[in-house]
Protein backbone atom coordinates (compact mmCIF):
# COMPACT_ATOMS: atom_id res chain seq x y z
CA GLY A 1 6.61 -29.83 26.32
CA GLY A 2 5.87 -33.47 25.91
CA THR A 3 3.34 -35.65 24.18
CA ALA A 4 -0.19 -36.30 25.35
CA ARG A 5 0.98 -39.73 26.47
CA GLU A 6 3.79 -38.26 28.57
CA TRP A 7 1.34 -35.89 30.25
CA ALA A 8 -1.13 -38.70 30.90
CA LEU A 9 1.62 -40.85 32.42
CA ARG A 10 2.80 -37.99 34.65
CA ALA A 11 -0.76 -37.32 35.78
CA ALA A 12 -1.31 -41.03 36.48
CA ALA A 13 1.86 -41.25 38.59
CA SER A 14 0.76 -38.16 40.49
CA SER A 15 -2.63 -39.76 41.11
CA VAL A 16 -0.98 -42.84 42.61
CA ARG A 17 1.10 -40.63 44.90
CA ARG A 18 -2.08 -38.79 45.97
CA LEU A 19 -3.71 -42.15 46.74
CA ALA A 20 -6.22 -41.82 43.91
CA PRO A 21 -5.71 -45.19 42.17
CA GLU A 22 -9.03 -45.10 40.29
CA GLU A 23 -7.96 -41.86 38.60
CA ALA A 24 -4.53 -43.34 37.88
CA GLU A 25 -6.18 -46.39 36.34
CA GLN A 26 -8.17 -44.21 33.93
CA LEU A 27 -5.10 -42.16 33.01
CA TYR A 28 -2.90 -45.22 32.38
CA ARG A 29 -5.64 -46.70 30.17
CA ALA A 30 -5.89 -43.40 28.29
CA ALA A 31 -2.10 -43.34 27.78
CA LEU A 32 -2.22 -46.86 26.33
CA GLU A 33 -4.98 -45.92 23.89
CA LEU A 34 -3.27 -42.85 22.44
CA PRO A 35 -2.03 -43.27 18.87
CA ASP A 36 1.25 -41.42 19.54
CA PRO A 37 4.36 -43.51 18.91
CA TRP A 38 6.14 -44.74 22.03
CA THR A 39 9.51 -43.07 22.61
CA ASP A 40 10.68 -45.94 24.82
CA GLY A 41 10.60 -49.53 23.60
CA ASP A 42 9.62 -50.73 27.08
CA GLY A 43 6.97 -48.02 27.45
CA PRO A 44 3.92 -50.17 26.64
CA CYS A 45 5.10 -52.89 29.01
CA ARG A 46 5.96 -50.47 31.83
CA THR A 47 2.67 -48.65 31.44
CA ARG A 48 0.78 -51.92 31.74
CA LEU A 49 2.81 -52.72 34.88
CA ASP A 50 1.85 -49.35 36.33
CA LEU A 51 -1.76 -49.97 35.32
CA ALA A 52 -1.69 -53.36 37.07
CA ARG A 53 -0.45 -51.73 40.28
CA ALA A 54 -3.05 -48.94 40.09
CA CYS A 55 -5.82 -51.50 39.51
CA ALA A 56 -4.63 -53.53 42.48
CA LEU A 57 -4.61 -50.42 44.69
CA ALA A 58 -8.13 -49.59 43.48
CA GLY A 59 -9.31 -53.10 44.36
CA ASP A 60 -9.80 -54.11 40.72
CA LEU A 61 -8.12 -57.52 40.85
CA ASP A 62 -9.41 -58.61 37.44
CA GLY A 63 -8.04 -55.43 35.86
CA ALA A 64 -4.74 -55.88 37.69
CA VAL A 65 -4.32 -59.45 36.47
CA ALA A 66 -5.28 -58.51 32.88
CA ALA A 67 -2.78 -55.63 32.84
CA ALA A 68 -0.03 -57.81 34.36
CA VAL A 69 -0.64 -60.52 31.76
CA GLY A 70 -0.54 -57.86 29.04
CA ALA A 71 2.76 -56.59 30.43
CA ALA A 72 4.19 -60.11 30.53
CA ASP A 73 3.19 -60.61 26.90
CA LEU A 74 5.06 -57.43 25.93
CA ALA A 75 8.21 -58.05 27.99
CA ARG A 76 11.11 -58.46 25.61
CA PRO A 77 13.27 -61.59 25.97
CA ASP A 78 16.26 -59.44 26.92
CA ARG A 79 14.28 -57.87 29.82
CA PRO A 80 13.57 -60.68 32.30
CA ASP A 81 13.25 -58.00 34.99
CA LEU A 82 10.04 -56.75 33.35
CA LEU A 83 8.67 -60.28 33.19
CA ALA A 84 9.44 -60.68 36.89
CA GLU A 85 7.73 -57.35 37.66
CA ALA A 86 4.66 -58.55 35.76
CA ALA A 87 4.58 -61.71 37.86
CA LEU A 88 4.69 -59.64 41.06
CA ALA A 89 2.52 -56.70 39.99
CA VAL A 90 -0.61 -57.82 41.81
CA GLU A 91 1.11 -58.76 45.05
CA PRO A 92 0.05 -56.61 48.03
């Protein structure tokens, strides 16, 4: 089972593991655009962090920075770890 978003996120993670970051980038973007409700409150932030990493691996620095900034904007005040991850997401 699982939602379309869950499947897209699994496929994106698999693409990163297979060293196909461009595919992962498309899948993370698709997961963010789906209208399904998020089952995890940190899901939108974490997905943007993953998108930032995939963009960086694909050589899309502008996309990586935009996704990291989006993740930082969504990081809840009680989750400074996510804010720190956003700050480091585009590091090699």
